[in-house]
Amino acid sequence: MKTVPAAKFKEQCLSLLDHLDPDGIIVTKHGKPVARVLPIERDSADLIGSLRNQIRILGDLESTNSTWDAGD
């Protein structure tokens, strides 16, 4: 978990929040922890469609490109 002095947190708050890791950050004053900032857990519904127009599918998703014989 990343630690950040309070003065740096104050100066760079928005940037730190934009790049917040899942573990979050600990804000310190005089080297002692005073707060922990954690990202809010997102519902899986928020993820649906979030990568639209960012992923390109190559080939046929429904085919394994191999033949299979069930053995009569």
N, C-alpha and C. Protein backbone atom coordinates (compact mmCIF):
# COMPACT_ATOMS: atom_id res chain seq x y z
N MET A 1 0.86 -1.17 0.00
CA MET A 1 0.00 0.00 0.00
C MET A 1 0.90 1.24 0.00
N LYS A 2 0.56 2.18 -0.82
CA LYS A 2 1.35 3.40 -0.99
C LYS A 2 1.05 4.38 0.15
N THR A 3 2.08 5.04 0.66
CA THR A 3 1.89 6.08 1.67
C THR A 3 2.23 7.44 1.05
N VAL A 4 1.46 8.44 1.44
CA VAL A 4 1.62 9.79 0.90
C VAL A 4 1.53 10.78 2.05
N PRO A 5 2.50 11.70 2.14
CA PRO A 5 2.39 12.75 3.16
C PRO A 5 1.17 13.64 2.90
N ALA A 6 0.57 14.15 3.95
CA ALA A 6 -0.65 14.96 3.85
C ALA A 6 -0.47 16.16 2.91
N ALA A 7 0.69 16.81 2.97
CA ALA A 7 0.93 17.97 2.11
C ALA A 7 0.90 17.57 0.64
N LYS A 8 1.51 16.44 0.31
CA LYS A 8 1.50 15.97 -1.08
C LYS A 8 0.09 15.56 -1.48
N PHE A 9 -0.63 14.92 -0.56
CA PHE A 9 -2.01 14.54 -0.85
C PHE A 9 -2.84 15.78 -1.17
N LYS A 10 -2.66 16.84 -0.40
CA LYS A 10 -3.41 18.08 -0.61
C LYS A 10 -3.09 18.68 -1.99
N GLU A 11 -1.83 18.67 -2.37
CA GLU A 11 -1.40 19.25 -3.65
C GLU A 11 -1.87 18.42 -4.84
N GLN A 12 -1.84 17.11 -4.69
CA GLN A 12 -2.07 16.23 -5.83
C GLN A 12 -3.32 15.35 -5.66
N CYS A 13 -4.26 15.80 -4.87
CA CYS A 13 -5.43 15.00 -4.52
C CYS A 13 -6.14 14.42 -5.73
N LEU A 14 -6.50 15.24 -6.69
CA LEU A 14 -7.26 14.76 -7.84
C LEU A 14 -6.48 13.74 -8.67
N SER A 15 -5.21 13.99 -8.86
CA SER A 15 -4.37 13.05 -9.61
C SER A 15 -4.23 11.73 -8.85
N LEU A 16 -4.03 11.80 -7.55
CA LEU A 16 -3.92 10.59 -6.74
C LEU A 16 -5.21 9.78 -6.79
N LEU A 17 -6.35 10.45 -6.75
CA LEU A 17 -7.62 9.75 -6.82
C LEU A 17 -7.86 9.13 -8.19
N ASP A 18 -7.40 9.80 -9.24
CA ASP A 18 -7.55 9.26 -10.60
C ASP A 18 -6.73 7.99 -10.80
N HIS A 19 -5.63 7.86 -10.07
CA HIS A 19 -4.73 6.71 -10.24
C HIS A 19 -4.70 5.83 -8.99
N LEU A 20 -5.80 5.77 -8.28
CA LEU A 20 -5.89 5.01 -7.04
C LEU A 20 -5.85 3.51 -7.31
N ASP A 21 -4.92 2.83 -6.67
CA ASP A 21 -4.82 1.37 -6.77
C ASP A 21 -5.91 0.72 -5.94
N PRO A 22 -6.22 -0.55 -6.21
CA PRO A 22 -7.23 -1.26 -5.40
C PRO A 22 -6.86 -1.31 -3.91
N ASP A 23 -5.56 -1.27 -3.61
CA ASP A 23 -5.13 -1.27 -2.21
C ASP A 23 -5.31 0.08 -1.54
N GLY A 24 -5.45 1.14 -2.33
CA GLY A 24 -5.62 2.47 -1.78
C GLY A 24 -4.31 3.10 -1.37
N ILE A 25 -4.40 4.20 -0.64
CA ILE A 25 -3.21 4.89 -0.13
C ILE A 25 -3.42 5.25 1.34
N ILE A 26 -2.32 5.40 2.04
CA ILE A 26 -2.35 5.85 3.43
C ILE A 26 -1.78 7.26 3.46
N VAL A 27 -2.52 8.18 4.05
CA VAL A 27 -2.08 9.56 4.19
C VAL A 27 -1.42 9.70 5.56
N THR A 28 -0.22 10.30 5.55
CA THR A 28 0.53 10.43 6.81
C THR A 28 0.76 11.90 7.16
N LYS A 29 0.91 12.14 8.45
CA LYS A 29 1.32 13.44 8.98
C LYS A 29 2.50 13.18 9.90
N HIS A 30 3.61 13.83 9.61
CA HIS A 30 4.84 13.64 10.40
C HIS A 30 5.23 12.17 10.47
N GLY A 31 4.98 11.44 9.37
CA GLY A 31 5.37 10.05 9.28
C GLY A 31 4.41 9.06 9.92
N LYS A 32 3.33 9.56 10.53
CA LYS A 32 2.37 8.67 11.19
C LYS A 32 1.08 8.63 10.37
N PRO A 33 0.52 7.43 10.16
CA PRO A 33 -0.72 7.32 9.38
C PRO A 33 -1.89 8.01 10.06
N VAL A 34 -2.64 8.78 9.26
CA VAL A 34 -3.83 9.46 9.79
C VAL A 34 -5.10 9.11 9.03
N ALA A 35 -4.95 8.60 7.82
CA ALA A 35 -6.13 8.25 7.02
C ALA A 35 -5.76 7.23 5.96
N ARG A 36 -6.77 6.48 5.56
CA ARG A 36 -6.58 5.53 4.46
C ARG A 36 -7.66 5.84 3.43
N VAL A 37 -7.25 5.98 2.18
CA VAL A 37 -8.18 6.26 1.09
C VAL A 37 -8.28 5.00 0.23
N LEU A 38 -9.49 4.47 0.14
CA LEU A 38 -9.74 3.25 -0.63
C LEU A 38 -10.74 3.53 -1.74
N PRO A 39 -10.60 2.85 -2.87
CA PRO A 39 -11.59 3.03 -3.94
C PRO A 39 -12.90 2.35 -3.55
N ILE A 40 -13.99 2.90 -4.02
CA ILE A 40 -15.30 2.30 -3.81
C ILE A 40 -15.40 1.08 -4.72
N GLU A 41 -15.90 -0.02 -4.19
CA GLU A 41 -16.07 -1.21 -5.00
C GLU A 41 -17.18 -0.96 -6.01
N ARG A 42 -16.89 -1.33 -7.24
CA ARG A 42 -17.86 -1.12 -8.31
C ARG A 42 -18.70 -2.37 -8.48
N ASP A 43 -19.96 -2.18 -8.74
CA ASP A 43 -20.82 -3.30 -9.06
C ASP A 43 -20.45 -3.83 -10.44
N SER A 44 -20.63 -5.10 -10.63
CA SER A 44 -20.30 -5.68 -11.93
C SER A 44 -21.16 -5.08 -13.03
N ALA A 45 -22.35 -4.58 -12.69
CA ALA A 45 -23.21 -3.96 -13.71
C ALA A 45 -22.55 -2.72 -14.29
N ASP A 46 -21.73 -2.03 -13.51
CA ASP A 46 -21.02 -0.85 -14.02
C ASP A 46 -20.00 -1.23 -15.08
N LEU A 47 -19.53 -2.46 -15.04
CA LEU A 47 -18.49 -2.90 -15.98
C LEU A 47 -19.05 -3.28 -17.34
N ILE A 48 -20.34 -3.62 -17.38
CA ILE A 48 -20.95 -4.04 -18.64
C ILE A 48 -20.93 -2.87 -19.63
N GLY A 49 -20.30 -3.10 -20.75
CA GLY A 49 -20.20 -2.08 -21.78
C GLY A 49 -19.08 -1.08 -21.58
N SER A 50 -18.33 -1.19 -20.50
CA SER A 50 -17.28 -0.21 -20.23
C SER A 50 -16.13 -0.27 -21.23
N LEU A 51 -15.97 -1.39 -21.90
CA LEU A 51 -14.90 -1.52 -22.90
C LEU A 51 -15.42 -1.46 -24.33
N ARG A 52 -16.65 -1.00 -24.50
CA ARG A 52 -17.22 -0.89 -25.84
C ARG A 52 -16.33 0.00 -26.71
N ASN A 53 -16.12 -0.44 -27.94
CA ASN A 53 -15.28 0.26 -28.92
C ASN A 53 -13.81 0.30 -28.53
N GLN A 54 -13.40 -0.51 -27.55
CA GLN A 54 -12.00 -0.55 -27.16
C GLN A 54 -11.40 -1.93 -27.40
N ILE A 55 -12.23 -2.91 -27.71
CA ILE A 55 -11.77 -4.28 -27.93
C ILE A 55 -12.15 -4.70 -29.34
N ARG A 56 -11.21 -5.34 -30.01
CA ARG A 56 -11.46 -5.84 -31.36
C ARG A 56 -11.40 -7.36 -31.31
N ILE A 57 -12.43 -8.02 -31.80
CA ILE A 57 -12.50 -9.48 -31.79
C ILE A 57 -12.05 -9.99 -33.15
N LEU A 58 -11.09 -10.89 -33.13
CA LEU A 58 -10.57 -11.49 -34.36
C LEU A 58 -11.00 -12.95 -34.40
N GLY A 59 -11.57 -13.39 -35.49
CA GLY A 59 -11.96 -14.78 -35.63
C GLY A 59 -13.38 -15.03 -35.16
N ASP A 60 -13.70 -16.31 -35.05
CA ASP A 60 -15.04 -16.75 -34.68
C ASP A 60 -15.05 -17.16 -33.21
N LEU A 61 -15.83 -16.48 -32.40
CA LEU A 61 -15.89 -16.78 -30.97
C LEU A 61 -16.56 -18.10 -30.66
N GLU A 62 -17.40 -18.58 -31.55
CA GLU A 62 -18.16 -19.79 -31.29
C GLU A 62 -17.48 -21.06 -31.80
N SER A 63 -16.37 -20.93 -32.45
CA SER A 63 -15.69 -22.09 -33.02
C SER A 63 -14.37 -22.35 -32.31
N THR A 64 -14.03 -23.63 -32.15
CA THR A 64 -12.73 -24.00 -31.58
C THR A 64 -11.72 -24.29 -32.68
N ASN A 65 -12.19 -24.23 -33.92
CA ASN A 65 -11.35 -24.53 -35.09
C ASN A 65 -10.79 -25.95 -35.04
N SER A 66 -11.50 -26.86 -34.39
CA SER A 66 -11.08 -28.26 -34.38
C SER A 66 -12.31 -29.12 -34.61
N THR A 67 -12.08 -30.29 -35.21
CA THR A 67 -13.18 -31.21 -35.42
C THR A 67 -13.27 -32.16 -34.25
N TRP A 68 -14.49 -32.60 -33.96
CA TRP A 68 -14.73 -33.48 -32.83
C TRP A 68 -15.62 -34.61 -33.25
N ASP A 69 -15.22 -35.81 -32.93
CA ASP A 69 -16.00 -36.98 -33.28
C ASP A 69 -16.51 -37.62 -32.00
N ALA A 70 -17.84 -37.69 -31.85
CA ALA A 70 -18.44 -38.24 -30.65
C ALA A 70 -18.35 -39.75 -30.62
N GLY A 71 -17.97 -40.36 -31.69
CA GLY A 71 -17.86 -41.84 -31.73
C GLY A 71 -19.22 -42.49 -31.72
N ASP A 72 -19.67 -42.88 -32.85
CA ASP A 72 -21.00 -43.47 -32.99
C ASP A 72 -21.13 -44.63 -32.13
